[in-house]
Amino acid sequence: MAQTPEAKVKAKIKAILKEHGVYYAMPIGSGFGNAGVPDFLCCVDGSFLAIEAKANGGKMTALQLKNFREIHDAGGITIMVDEEGLERLSGYVKLLKKESGYE
């Protein structure tokens, strides 16, 4: 079975997070309360990072944007990543680790 473009982005995000030793969880969206939750919930040396994966050209839904605002308002960090944003994610994780003093 061929991977969707978004599944390919998720696989690359997982590889980046593993490479940098980042804890992450991938909540399963369902009709029981997880709709709109970002694809990855991460802890980068004490910083909460939420990542939404999209194929190039993909847009976030209103519910996903609402969740991003709520995470931001609670002090977390949010980022949407597509094929073109993978390198940016890697650099961002490095920056978070450097700022924490753990890398």
C-alpha atoms as a PDB file:
ATOM      1  CA  MET A   1       0.000   0.000   0.000  1.00  0.00           C
ATOM      2  CA  ALA A   2       1.446   3.364  -1.044  1.00  0.00           C
ATOM      3  CA  GLN A   3       1.861   6.063   1.585  1.00  0.00           C
ATOM      4  CA  THR A   4      -0.078   9.284   1.227  1.00  0.00           C
ATOM      5  CA  PRO A   5       1.981  12.490   0.928  1.00  0.00           C
ATOM      6  CA  GLU A   6       0.984  13.410   4.501  1.00  0.00           C
ATOM      7  CA  ALA A   7       2.036   9.966   5.798  1.00  0.00           C
ATOM      8  CA  LYS A   8       5.441  10.500   4.190  1.00  0.00           C
ATOM      9  CA  VAL A   9       5.769  13.840   5.989  1.00  0.00           C
ATOM     10  CA  LYS A  10       4.807  12.184   9.301  1.00  0.00           C
ATOM     11  CA  ALA A  11       7.455   9.485   8.797  1.00  0.00           C
ATOM     12  CA  LYS A  12      10.105  12.145   8.204  1.00  0.00           C
ATOM     13  CA  ILE A  13       8.944  14.115  11.256  1.00  0.00           C
ATOM     14  CA  LYS A  14       9.269  10.954  13.381  1.00  0.00           C
ATOM     15  CA  ALA A  15      12.811  10.459  12.101  1.00  0.00           C
ATOM     16  CA  ILE A  16      13.765  14.049  12.985  1.00  0.00           C
ATOM     17  CA  LEU A  17      12.279  13.768  16.464  1.00  0.00           C
ATOM     18  CA  LYS A  18      14.016  10.436  17.111  1.00  0.00           C
ATOM     19  CA  GLU A  19      17.326  11.813  15.818  1.00  0.00           C
ATOM     20  CA  HIS A  20      17.168  14.583  18.417  1.00  0.00           C
ATOM     21  CA  GLY A  21      15.905  12.408  21.284  1.00  0.00           C
ATOM     22  CA  VAL A  22      12.552  14.185  21.488  1.00  0.00           C
ATOM     23  CA  TYR A  23       9.696  12.506  23.344  1.00  0.00           C
ATOM     24  CA  TYR A  24       6.531  12.495  21.246  1.00  0.00           C
ATOM     25  CA  ALA A  25       3.069  10.991  21.152  1.00  0.00           C
ATOM     26  CA  MET A  26       0.651  10.820  18.264  1.00  0.00           C
ATOM     27  CA  PRO A  27      -2.934  11.053  19.513  1.00  0.00           C
ATOM     28  CA  ILE A  28      -5.476   9.208  17.436  1.00  0.00           C
ATOM     29  CA  GLY A  29      -8.205  11.529  16.209  1.00  0.00           C
ATOM     30  CA  SER A  30     -11.649  10.106  16.818  1.00  0.00           C
ATOM     31  CA  GLY A  31     -15.201  11.104  17.521  1.00  0.00           C
ATOM     32  CA  PHE A  32     -14.483  10.845  21.238  1.00  0.00           C
ATOM     33  CA  GLY A  33     -12.819  14.185  21.887  1.00  0.00           C
ATOM     34  CA  ASN A  34      -9.515  14.256  19.970  1.00  0.00           C
ATOM     35  CA  ALA A  35     -10.661  16.024  16.815  1.00  0.00           C
ATOM     36  CA  GLY A  36      -8.364  18.880  15.861  1.00  0.00           C
ATOM     37  CA  VAL A  37      -5.526  17.807  18.159  1.00  0.00           C
ATOM     38  CA  PRO A  38      -2.128  18.184  16.442  1.00  0.00           C
ATOM     39  CA  ASP A  39      -0.521  15.088  14.928  1.00  0.00           C
ATOM     40  CA  PHE A  40       2.478  15.159  17.299  1.00  0.00           C
ATOM     41  CA  LEU A  41       2.604  16.240  20.933  1.00  0.00           C
ATOM     42  CA  CYS A  42       6.242  16.590  21.955  1.00  0.00           C
ATOM     43  CA  CYS A  43       8.442  17.461  24.885  1.00  0.00           C
ATOM     44  CA  VAL A  44      11.749  19.034  23.847  1.00  0.00           C
ATOM     45  CA  ASP A  45      13.830  19.348  27.008  1.00  0.00           C
ATOM     46  CA  GLY A  46      10.883  20.739  28.952  1.00  0.00           C
ATOM     47  CA  SER A  47       9.254  22.744  26.154  1.00  0.00           C
ATOM     48  CA  PHE A  48       5.850  21.616  24.882  1.00  0.00           C
ATOM     49  CA  LEU A  49       5.824  21.432  21.090  1.00  0.00           C
ATOM     50  CA  ALA A  50       2.765  20.553  18.992  1.00  0.00           C
ATOM     51  CA  ILE A  51       3.255  19.663  15.320  1.00  0.00           C
ATOM     52  CA  GLU A  52       0.608  19.417  12.612  1.00  0.00           C
ATOM     53  CA  ALA A  53       1.777  17.523   9.509  1.00  0.00           C
ATOM     54  CA  LYS A  54       0.447  18.475   6.097  1.00  0.00           C
ATOM     55  CA  ALA A  55       1.204  17.572   2.517  1.00  0.00           C
ATOM     56  CA  ASN A  56       2.465  20.554   0.526  1.00  0.00           C
ATOM     57  CA  GLY A  57      -0.412  22.914  -0.058  1.00  0.00           C
ATOM     58  CA  GLY A  58      -2.384  21.455   2.842  1.00  0.00           C
ATOM     59  CA  LYS A  59      -4.288  23.890   5.037  1.00  0.00           C
ATOM     60  CA  MET A  60      -5.229  23.578   8.680  1.00  0.00           C
ATOM     61  CA  THR A  61      -8.892  23.324   9.576  1.00  0.00           C
ATOM     62  CA  ALA A  62     -10.629  25.848  11.810  1.00  0.00           C
ATOM     63  CA  LEU A  63     -10.596  23.302  14.651  1.00  0.00           C
ATOM     64  CA  GLN A  64      -6.856  22.674  14.226  1.00  0.00           C
ATOM     65  CA  LEU A  65      -6.213  26.429  14.283  1.00  0.00           C
ATOM     66  CA  LYS A  66      -8.331  26.717  17.440  1.00  0.00           C
ATOM     67  CA  ASN A  67      -6.214  24.025  19.111  1.00  0.00           C
ATOM     68  CA  PHE A  68      -3.015  25.778  18.024  1.00  0.00           C
ATOM     69  CA  ARG A  69      -4.261  29.048  19.582  1.00  0.00           C
ATOM     70  CA  GLU A  70      -5.162  27.275  22.835  1.00  0.00           C
ATOM     71  CA  ILE A  71      -1.751  25.571  23.021  1.00  0.00           C
ATOM     72  CA  HIS A  72      -0.028  28.882  22.322  1.00  0.00           C
ATOM     73  CA  ASP A  73      -2.144  30.654  24.956  1.00  0.00           C
ATOM     74  CA  ALA A  74      -1.134  27.952  27.469  1.00  0.00           C
ATOM     75  CA  GLY A  75       2.556  28.610  26.793  1.00  0.00           C
ATOM     76  CA  GLY A  76       3.226  25.836  24.281  1.00  0.00           C
ATOM     77  CA  ILE A  77       4.896  26.054  20.901  1.00  0.00           C
ATOM     78  CA  THR A  78       3.106  25.114  17.682  1.00  0.00           C
ATOM     79  CA  ILE A  79       4.318  24.463  14.169  1.00  0.00           C
ATOM     80  CA  MET A  80       2.779  23.189  10.956  1.00  0.00           C
ATOM     81  CA  VAL A  81       5.205  21.115   8.885  1.00  0.00           C
ATOM     82  CA  ASP A  82       4.962  20.076   5.246  1.00  0.00           C
ATOM     83  CA  GLU A  83       7.603  18.652   2.895  1.00  0.00           C
ATOM     84  CA  GLU A  84       9.255  22.048   2.585  1.00  0.00           C
ATOM     85  CA  GLY A  85       9.262  22.658   6.357  1.00  0.00           C
ATOM     86  CA  LEU A  86      11.165  19.544   7.456  1.00  0.00           C
ATOM     87  CA  GLU A  87      14.544  21.278   7.577  1.00  0.00           C
ATOM     88  CA  ARG A  88      12.975  24.172   9.484  1.00  0.00           C
ATOM     89  CA  LEU A  89      11.615  21.681  12.057  1.00  0.00           C
ATOM     90  CA  SER A  90      15.049  20.147  12.548  1.00  0.00           C
ATOM     91  CA  GLY A  91      16.586  23.578  13.100  1.00  0.00           C
ATOM     92  CA  TYR A  92      13.803  24.573  15.462  1.00  0.00           C
ATOM     93  CA  VAL A  93      14.284  21.449  17.602  1.00  0.00           C
ATOM     94  CA  LYS A  94      18.028  22.129  17.739  1.00  0.00           C
ATOM     95  CA  LEU A  95      17.305  25.682  18.862  1.00  0.00           C
ATOM     96  CA  LEU A  96      14.951  24.501  21.630  1.00  0.00           C
ATOM     97  CA  LYS A  97      17.538  22.005  22.856  1.00  0.00           C
ATOM     98  CA  LYS A  98      20.316  24.618  22.785  1.00  0.00           C
ATOM     99  CA  GLU A  99      18.202  27.151  24.696  1.00  0.00           C
ATOM    100  CA  SER A 100      17.434  24.540  27.349  1.00  0.00           C
ATOM    101  CA  GLY A 101      21.137  23.895  27.903  1.00  0.00           C
ATOM    102  CA  TYR A 102      20.839  20.146  27.275  1.00  0.00           C
ATOM    103  CA  GLU A 103      22.605  19.969  23.907  1.00  0.00           C
END
